[in-house]
Amino acid sequence: MKQYLGTIIILVGVLCLILHASMGGNATLWAGIIIEIIGLGVHIVINKQRKF
């Protein structure tokens, strides 16, 4: 489950961006962008720790 944490966070960011597209407003846009960046960072860090 830990290996999918970054992907789950990225999907939450995508949901925020979809909400922004339907509702508008700068808060949902910035929240989506920030969540996406955090998700990418988590994904990179977790995958660097899992060396095959």
PDB file of N, CA and C in Angstrom:
ATOM      1  N   MET A   1       0.828  -1.198   0.000  1.00  0.00           N
ATOM      2  CA  MET A   1       0.000   0.000   0.000  1.00  0.00           C
ATOM      3  C   MET A   1       0.867   1.254   0.000  1.00  0.00           C
ATOM      4  N   LYS A   2       2.010   1.174   0.686  1.00  0.00           N
ATOM      5  CA  LYS A   2       2.880   2.346   0.775  1.00  0.00           C
ATOM      6  C   LYS A   2       3.386   2.779  -0.595  1.00  0.00           C
ATOM      7  N   GLN A   3       3.565   1.819  -1.495  1.00  0.00           N
ATOM      8  CA  GLN A   3       4.081   2.144  -2.814  1.00  0.00           C
ATOM      9  C   GLN A   3       3.075   2.933  -3.645  1.00  0.00           C
ATOM     10  N   TYR A   4       1.802   2.877  -3.302  1.00  0.00           N
ATOM     11  CA  TYR A   4       0.768   3.582  -4.049  1.00  0.00           C
ATOM     12  C   TYR A   4       0.362   4.914  -3.423  1.00  0.00           C
ATOM     13  N   LEU A   5       1.009   5.297  -2.341  1.00  0.00           N
ATOM     14  CA  LEU A   5       0.639   6.527  -1.642  1.00  0.00           C
ATOM     15  C   LEU A   5       0.787   7.753  -2.534  1.00  0.00           C
ATOM     16  N   GLY A   6       1.884   7.854  -3.266  1.00  0.00           N
ATOM     17  CA  GLY A   6       2.088   8.986  -4.167  1.00  0.00           C
ATOM     18  C   GLY A   6       1.031   9.049  -5.248  1.00  0.00           C
ATOM     19  N   THR A   7       0.665   7.896  -5.782  1.00  0.00           N
ATOM     20  CA  THR A   7      -0.358   7.842  -6.826  1.00  0.00           C
ATOM     21  C   THR A   7      -1.710   8.273  -6.286  1.00  0.00           C
ATOM     22  N   ILE A   8      -2.033   7.864  -5.083  1.00  0.00           N
ATOM     23  CA  ILE A   8      -3.306   8.254  -4.472  1.00  0.00           C
ATOM     24  C   ILE A   8      -3.353   9.764  -4.249  1.00  0.00           C
ATOM     25  N   ILE A   9      -2.243  10.342  -3.788  1.00  0.00           N
ATOM     26  CA  ILE A   9      -2.194  11.791  -3.564  1.00  0.00           C
ATOM     27  C   ILE A   9      -2.334  12.527  -4.898  1.00  0.00           C
ATOM     28  N   ILE A  10      -1.707  12.011  -5.949  1.00  0.00           N
ATOM     29  CA  ILE A  10      -1.833  12.641  -7.264  1.00  0.00           C
ATOM     30  C   ILE A  10      -3.286  12.598  -7.736  1.00  0.00           C
ATOM     31  N   LEU A  11      -3.980  11.487  -7.509  1.00  0.00           N
ATOM     32  CA  LEU A  11      -5.382  11.386  -7.912  1.00  0.00           C
ATOM     33  C   LEU A  11      -6.270  12.358  -7.137  1.00  0.00           C
ATOM     34  N   VAL A  12      -5.955  12.595  -5.878  1.00  0.00           N
ATOM     35  CA  VAL A  12      -6.697  13.603  -5.104  1.00  0.00           C
ATOM     36  C   VAL A  12      -6.471  14.988  -5.711  1.00  0.00           C
ATOM     37  N   GLY A  13      -5.251  15.267  -6.144  1.00  0.00           N
ATOM     38  CA  GLY A  13      -4.961  16.530  -6.814  1.00  0.00           C
ATOM     39  C   GLY A  13      -5.731  16.670  -8.109  1.00  0.00           C
ATOM     40  N   VAL A  14      -5.853  15.576  -8.845  1.00  0.00           N
ATOM     41  CA  VAL A  14      -6.625  15.592 -10.092  1.00  0.00           C
ATOM     42  C   VAL A  14      -8.088  15.891  -9.798  1.00  0.00           C
ATOM     43  N   LEU A  15      -8.610  15.318  -8.718  1.00  0.00           N
ATOM     44  CA  LEU A  15     -10.000  15.613  -8.342  1.00  0.00           C
ATOM     45  C   LEU A  15     -10.182  17.093  -8.019  1.00  0.00           C
ATOM     46  N   CYS A  16      -9.204  17.696  -7.352  1.00  0.00           N
ATOM     47  CA  CYS A  16      -9.278  19.131  -7.069  1.00  0.00           C
ATOM     48  C   CYS A  16      -9.276  19.941  -8.359  1.00  0.00           C
ATOM     49  N   LEU A  17      -8.474  19.524  -9.328  1.00  0.00           N
ATOM     50  CA  LEU A  17      -8.431  20.245 -10.599  1.00  0.00           C
ATOM     51  C   LEU A  17      -9.719  20.057 -11.393  1.00  0.00           C
ATOM     52  N   ILE A  18     -10.353  18.900 -11.281  1.00  0.00           N
ATOM     53  CA  ILE A  18     -11.654  18.697 -11.920  1.00  0.00           C
ATOM     54  C   ILE A  18     -12.698  19.584 -11.263  1.00  0.00           C
ATOM     55  N   LEU A  19     -12.649  19.695  -9.936  1.00  0.00           N
ATOM     56  CA  LEU A  19     -13.564  20.608  -9.237  1.00  0.00           C
ATOM     57  C   LEU A  19     -13.337  22.045  -9.685  1.00  0.00           C
ATOM     58  N   HIS A  20     -12.073  22.409  -9.900  1.00  0.00           N
ATOM     59  CA  HIS A  20     -11.772  23.758 -10.363  1.00  0.00           C
ATOM     60  C   HIS A  20     -12.378  23.997 -11.745  1.00  0.00           C
ATOM     61  N   ALA A  21     -12.324  22.996 -12.599  1.00  0.00           N
ATOM     62  CA  ALA A  21     -12.873  23.147 -13.943  1.00  0.00           C
ATOM     63  C   ALA A  21     -14.383  23.317 -13.915  1.00  0.00           C
ATOM     64  N   SER A  22     -15.042  22.679 -12.960  1.00  0.00           N
ATOM     65  CA  SER A  22     -16.502  22.772 -12.913  1.00  0.00           C
ATOM     66  C   SER A  22     -16.987  23.956 -12.071  1.00  0.00           C
ATOM     67  N   MET A  23     -16.272  24.288 -10.991  1.00  0.00           N
ATOM     68  CA  MET A  23     -16.723  25.353 -10.097  1.00  0.00           C
ATOM     69  C   MET A  23     -16.021  26.678 -10.364  1.00  0.00           C
ATOM     70  N   GLY A  24     -14.746  26.604 -10.709  1.00  0.00           N
ATOM     71  CA  GLY A  24     -13.959  27.826 -10.833  1.00  0.00           C
ATOM     72  C   GLY A  24     -13.371  28.202  -9.483  1.00  0.00           C
ATOM     73  N   GLY A  25     -12.752  29.332  -9.441  1.00  0.00           N
ATOM     74  CA  GLY A  25     -12.158  29.792  -8.188  1.00  0.00           C
ATOM     75  C   GLY A  25     -10.688  29.458  -8.119  1.00  0.00           C
ATOM     76  N   ASN A  26      -9.933  30.369  -7.560  1.00  0.00           N
ATOM     77  CA  ASN A  26      -8.487  30.176  -7.486  1.00  0.00           C
ATOM     78  C   ASN A  26      -8.082  29.202  -6.387  1.00  0.00           C
ATOM     79  N   ALA A  27      -8.896  29.059  -5.354  1.00  0.00           N
ATOM     80  CA  ALA A  27      -8.524  28.186  -4.237  1.00  0.00           C
ATOM     81  C   ALA A  27      -8.419  26.733  -4.681  1.00  0.00           C
ATOM     82  N   THR A  28      -9.366  26.252  -5.484  1.00  0.00           N
ATOM     83  CA  THR A  28      -9.307  24.864  -5.928  1.00  0.00           C
ATOM     84  C   THR A  28      -8.160  24.652  -6.913  1.00  0.00           C
ATOM     85  N   LEU A  29      -7.852  25.661  -7.700  1.00  0.00           N
ATOM     86  CA  LEU A  29      -6.726  25.556  -8.630  1.00  0.00           C
ATOM     87  C   LEU A  29      -5.413  25.405  -7.871  1.00  0.00           C
ATOM     88  N   TRP A  30      -5.172  26.293  -6.915  1.00  0.00           N
ATOM     89  CA  TRP A  30      -3.914  26.242  -6.165  1.00  0.00           C
ATOM     90  C   TRP A  30      -3.838  25.003  -5.288  1.00  0.00           C
ATOM     91  N   ALA A  31      -4.958  24.599  -4.706  1.00  0.00           N
ATOM     92  CA  ALA A  31      -4.960  23.377  -3.893  1.00  0.00           C
ATOM     93  C   ALA A  31      -4.612  22.169  -4.762  1.00  0.00           C
ATOM     94  N   GLY A  32      -5.183  22.107  -5.950  1.00  0.00           N
ATOM     95  CA  GLY A  32      -4.890  21.000  -6.856  1.00  0.00           C
ATOM     96  C   GLY A  32      -3.442  20.971  -7.277  1.00  0.00           C
ATOM     97  N   ILE A  33      -2.874  22.133  -7.602  1.00  0.00           N
ATOM     98  CA  ILE A  33      -1.477  22.202  -8.022  1.00  0.00           C
ATOM     99  C   ILE A  33      -0.550  21.790  -6.884  1.00  0.00           C
ATOM    100  N   ILE A  34      -0.805  22.295  -5.691  1.00  0.00           N
ATOM    101  CA  ILE A  34       0.045  21.968  -4.539  1.00  0.00           C
ATOM    102  C   ILE A  34      -0.043  20.486  -4.196  1.00  0.00           C
ATOM    103  N   ILE A  35      -1.242  19.920  -4.237  1.00  0.00           N
ATOM    104  CA  ILE A  35      -1.404  18.495  -3.946  1.00  0.00           C
ATOM    105  C   ILE A  35      -0.697  17.653  -4.994  1.00  0.00           C
ATOM    106  N   GLU A  36      -0.765  18.065  -6.260  1.00  0.00           N
ATOM    107  CA  GLU A  36      -0.059  17.356  -7.328  1.00  0.00           C
ATOM    108  C   GLU A  36       1.451  17.344  -7.074  1.00  0.00           C
ATOM    109  N   ILE A  37       2.009  18.486  -6.708  1.00  0.00           N
ATOM    110  CA  ILE A  37       3.449  18.580  -6.462  1.00  0.00           C
ATOM    111  C   ILE A  37       3.851  17.717  -5.273  1.00  0.00           C
ATOM    112  N   ILE A  38       3.069  17.747  -4.209  1.00  0.00           N
ATOM    113  CA  ILE A  38       3.350  16.904  -3.042  1.00  0.00           C
ATOM    114  C   ILE A  38       3.278  15.430  -3.429  1.00  0.00           C
ATOM    115  N   GLY A  39       2.277  15.061  -4.207  1.00  0.00           N
ATOM    116  CA  GLY A  39       2.130  13.674  -4.643  1.00  0.00           C
ATOM    117  C   GLY A  39       3.299  13.199  -5.486  1.00  0.00           C
ATOM    118  N   LEU A  40       3.767  14.063  -6.388  1.00  0.00           N
ATOM    119  CA  LEU A  40       4.926  13.698  -7.204  1.00  0.00           C
ATOM    120  C   LEU A  40       6.175  13.520  -6.342  1.00  0.00           C
ATOM    121  N   GLY A  41       6.351  14.412  -5.372  1.00  0.00           N
ATOM    122  CA  GLY A  41       7.500  14.298  -4.475  1.00  0.00           C
ATOM    123  C   GLY A  41       7.461  13.017  -3.665  1.00  0.00           C
ATOM    124  N   VAL A  42       6.305  12.688  -3.124  1.00  0.00           N
ATOM    125  CA  VAL A  42       6.160  11.452  -2.342  1.00  0.00           C
ATOM    126  C   VAL A  42       6.420  10.242  -3.230  1.00  0.00           C
ATOM    127  N   HIS A  43       5.893  10.274  -4.436  1.00  0.00           N
ATOM    128  CA  HIS A  43       6.077   9.164  -5.365  1.00  0.00           C
ATOM    129  C   HIS A  43       7.557   8.951  -5.688  1.00  0.00           C
ATOM    130  N   ILE A  44       8.276  10.023  -5.920  1.00  0.00           N
ATOM    131  CA  ILE A  44       9.707   9.936  -6.231  1.00  0.00           C
ATOM    132  C   ILE A  44      10.489   9.409  -5.034  1.00  0.00           C
ATOM    133  N   VAL A  45      10.203   9.928  -3.841  1.00  0.00           N
ATOM    134  CA  VAL A  45      10.940   9.511  -2.639  1.00  0.00           C
ATOM    135  C   VAL A  45      10.696   8.040  -2.333  1.00  0.00           C
ATOM    136  N   ILE A  46       9.452   7.594  -2.424  1.00  0.00           N
ATOM    137  CA  ILE A  46       9.150   6.198  -2.113  1.00  0.00           C
ATOM    138  C   ILE A  46       9.778   5.272  -3.143  1.00  0.00           C
ATOM    139  N   ASN A  47       9.754   5.646  -4.422  1.00  0.00           N
ATOM    140  CA  ASN A  47      10.319   4.768  -5.440  1.00  0.00           C
ATOM    141  C   ASN A  47      11.850   4.756  -5.395  1.00  0.00           C
ATOM    142  N   LYS A  48      12.492   5.812  -4.905  1.00  0.00           N
ATOM    143  CA  LYS A  48      13.952   5.787  -4.741  1.00  0.00           C
ATOM    144  C   LYS A  48      14.339   4.835  -3.613  1.00  0.00           C
ATOM    145  N   GLN A  49      13.489   4.726  -2.602  1.00  0.00           N
ATOM    146  CA  GLN A  49      13.785   3.837  -1.480  1.00  0.00           C
ATOM    147  C   GLN A  49      13.614   2.379  -1.869  1.00  0.00           C
ATOM    148  N   ARG A  50      12.751   2.106  -2.836  1.00  0.00           N
ATOM    149  CA  ARG A  50      12.501   0.729  -3.296  1.00  0.00           C
ATOM    150  C   ARG A  50      13.432   0.396  -4.450  1.00  0.00           C
ATOM    151  N   LYS A  51      14.659   0.093  -4.185  1.00  0.00           N
ATOM    152  CA  LYS A  51      15.604  -0.268  -5.245  1.00  0.00           C
ATOM    153  C   LYS A  51      15.502  -1.757  -5.494  1.00  0.00           C
ATOM    154  N   PHE A  52      15.429  -2.100  -6.749  1.00  0.00           N
ATOM    155  CA  PHE A  52      15.296  -3.524  -7.113  1.00  0.00           C
ATOM    156  C   PHE A  52      16.649  -4.146  -7.244  1.00  0.00           C
TER     157      PHE A  52
END
